[in-house]
Protein backbone atom coordinates (compact mmCIF):
# COMPACT_ATOMS: atom_id res chain seq x y z
CA MET A 1 4.25 34.30 32.15
CA ASN A 2 4.78 30.66 32.94
CA ASP A 3 8.26 28.88 32.71
CA ARG A 4 7.58 27.52 29.59
CA GLU A 5 7.22 30.65 27.66
CA LYS A 6 10.22 32.24 29.70
CA GLN A 7 12.22 29.18 28.49
CA ILE A 8 11.29 29.76 24.80
CA ALA A 9 12.15 33.34 25.17
CA ASP A 10 15.28 32.84 27.05
CA PHE A 11 16.32 30.35 24.40
CA TYR A 12 16.06 32.93 21.53
CA GLY A 13 16.71 36.30 23.00
CA LEU A 14 14.99 39.66 22.82
CA GLU A 15 16.38 40.26 19.10
CA VAL A 16 15.19 37.10 17.79
CA GLN A 17 11.80 37.06 19.55
CA ALA A 18 11.12 41.06 18.63
CA VAL A 19 11.60 40.04 14.78
CA LYS A 20 9.11 36.97 15.15
CA LEU A 21 6.73 39.46 16.97
CA ALA A 22 6.81 41.69 13.83
CA GLU A 23 6.32 38.81 11.68
CA GLU A 24 3.17 37.52 13.78
CA CYS A 25 1.77 41.22 13.78
CA ALA A 26 2.22 41.18 9.91
CA GLU A 27 -0.03 37.95 9.92
CA PHE A 28 -2.40 39.40 12.29
CA ALA A 29 -2.82 42.46 10.25
CA ALA A 30 -3.55 40.48 6.97
CA SER A 31 -5.91 38.10 8.82
CA ALA A 32 -7.67 40.94 10.37
CA SER A 33 -8.34 42.40 6.80
CA LYS A 34 -9.86 39.26 5.76
CA VAL A 35 -12.18 39.66 8.50
CA PHE A 36 -13.08 42.95 7.71
CA TYR A 37 -13.45 42.21 4.45
CA TYR A 38 -16.03 39.49 4.90
CA TYR A 39 -17.91 41.49 7.75
CA ASN A 40 -18.58 44.18 5.06
CA LEU A 41 -19.63 41.56 2.55
CA LEU A 42 -22.16 40.48 5.23
CA ASP A 43 -23.00 44.00 5.90
CA ASP A 44 -23.94 44.47 2.17
CA ARG A 45 -27.70 44.55 1.71
CA SER A 46 -27.43 43.64 -1.99
CA SER A 47 -26.22 39.72 -1.53
CA THR A 48 -28.38 37.10 -2.30
CA PRO A 49 -29.31 34.59 0.37
CA VAL A 50 -27.20 32.03 -1.10
CA SER A 51 -24.01 34.13 -1.55
CA ARG A 52 -24.49 35.46 1.84
CA ALA A 53 -24.36 31.80 3.37
CA GLY A 54 -20.99 31.33 1.57
CA VAL A 55 -19.76 34.72 3.21
CA ARG A 56 -21.04 33.74 6.47
CA GLU A 57 -18.81 30.80 6.15
CA GLN A 58 -15.72 32.77 4.95
CA PHE A 59 -16.16 35.00 7.73
CA GLU A 60 -16.39 32.24 10.34
CA ILE A 61 -13.28 30.61 8.84
CA ALA A 62 -11.65 34.17 8.93
CA ARG A 63 -12.40 34.84 12.59
CA GLU A 64 -11.14 31.50 13.32
CA GLN A 65 -7.98 32.14 11.58
CA ASN A 66 -7.60 35.76 13.39
CA ALA A 67 -7.98 34.04 16.60
CA GLU A 68 -5.29 32.10 15.75
CA GLU A 69 -2.87 34.99 14.71
CA LEU A 70 -3.78 36.92 17.69
CA ALA A 71 -2.69 34.13 20.05
CA ASP A 72 0.57 34.25 18.19
CA VAL A 73 1.00 37.84 18.55
CA LEU A 74 -0.03 37.89 22.37
CA LEU A 75 2.45 35.05 22.98
CA MET A 76 5.48 36.72 21.30
CA ALA A 77 4.48 39.89 23.01
CA ARG A 78 4.52 38.77 26.39
CA GLN A 79 8.25 37.15 25.51
CA VAL A 80 9.49 40.48 24.26
CA GLU A 81 8.25 42.25 27.19
CA TYR A 82 9.48 39.73 29.43
CA LEU A 83 12.67 39.92 27.92
CA LEU A 84 12.88 43.61 28.05
CA GLU A 85 13.24 43.26 32.20
CA GLY A 86 16.90 42.42 31.21
CA GLU A 87 17.15 45.70 29.17
CA PRO A 88 15.96 48.14 31.70
CA GLU A 89 17.11 51.20 29.60
CA LEU A 90 15.10 50.21 26.96
CA LYS A 91 12.13 49.13 29.06
CA GLU A 92 12.04 52.25 30.42
CA LYS A 93 11.96 54.22 27.52
CA ILE A 94 9.27 52.13 25.88
CA ASP A 95 7.19 52.30 29.37
CA LYS A 96 7.16 56.43 28.78
CA LEU A 97 6.30 56.35 25.46
CA MET A 98 3.56 54.06 26.38
CA GLU A 99 2.37 56.53 28.80
CA ALA A 100 2.60 59.34 26.42
CA LYS A 101 0.57 57.52 24.29
CA ILE A 102 -2.03 56.75 26.59
CA GLU A 103 -2.36 60.17 27.75
CA ARG A 104 -2.40 61.43 23.60
CA GLN A 105 -5.51 59.07 23.19
CA LEU A 106 -7.25 59.91 26.23
CA LYS A 107 -7.12 63.49 25.42
CA ARG A 108 -8.31 62.49 21.82
CA MET A 109 -11.24 60.94 23.67
CA GLU A 110 -12.04 64.08 25.55
CA GLU A 111 -12.13 66.34 22.64
CA GLU A 112 -14.40 63.77 20.94
CA LYS A 113 -16.76 63.82 23.75
CA ALA A 114 -16.79 67.79 23.60
CA LYS A 115 -18.08 67.74 20.07
């Protein structure tokens, strides 16, 4: 994390940046839904060539907007992660929760492979 990001994070603090992260996540989710919508339209074989060109254009626009929203999420997540260094108990709790989630997902993957 660079000094400019730290400067922003330190100015606003953990609580404000955590709320901002939630807002950015919501915007990213809405944007991702739009990408998925246009992706599915492109995959629909019943579309006419003319309408497919318009859908392709909307898909590309949605992907660009999605990339911008993801950049916002990642910037805010890095700031929140940095600010958690000042809250060692909370950081430790979150780290443990993340480790448990990783373990759970790896177990699910093993179960899927076994099928």
